[in-house]
Amino acid sequence: MSFINEDWLTFNKFLYYNEFSGQMYWKLRYPLEERYNKVFNKRHANKPIMYVDDKGYKRFRLNGKLLYLHRVAWLLFNGFWPIGEIDHINGDREDNRIVNLRDIPRKYNARNTKLRSNASSIVNGVYWHKQSKKWGARIHDKDGRVVSLGLYKNFEDAVRIRREAEVKYGYHKNHSRIT
């Protein structure tokens, strides 16, 4: 006997999710003759949810609750809410295809981040150490502790050591991407 999440039933009643395009559409609301449903259907039915918030995520409101499209997409496709965070594997927050979404704990999601805008170098975890006038490298281990990887005369050496540590500690290959 399969268990169907009640939230899945509610969201499936109002929304259609296309796992190949990553788009979510509003379904027609019934009965069609009710005034509210007529207005809603004219404005929204069979149209994709397009609102993007200031952080780049698609969001929408249902039953007074503001929701992230990628989390609801996970629910509609899998039949249950994600346990951890939803990671957009390719880093594009508007790409909600199911092949681009994965449910992972926060510490692993942090291992697939783009380069911060205030970074002192073009590689996460590589920085200029003013006192020694050398390039430093550091990384967070599997328990979240910062591990110093040393100081290097050449930027390229610091980057190489950092990349080796990313493999050792299970960072995603997209970590430190620029866009």
Foldseek 3Di string as FASTA:
>chain_A
DDDFDPVLVVCVLFWDADLVQLWIAGAQDPPCPDPVSVVCCVPGHPDTQDDADPVQFGWDDDPRDIDTSLQVNCCNVVRDGAPADWAQQLARNSRNRVVRTDRDHPVQSLLQDEADPPAQDLFPQWHQDVVVRWIWGWDQALVRDIDTQDTHRDSVVRVVSNVVVSVVRVRRPNGHHHD
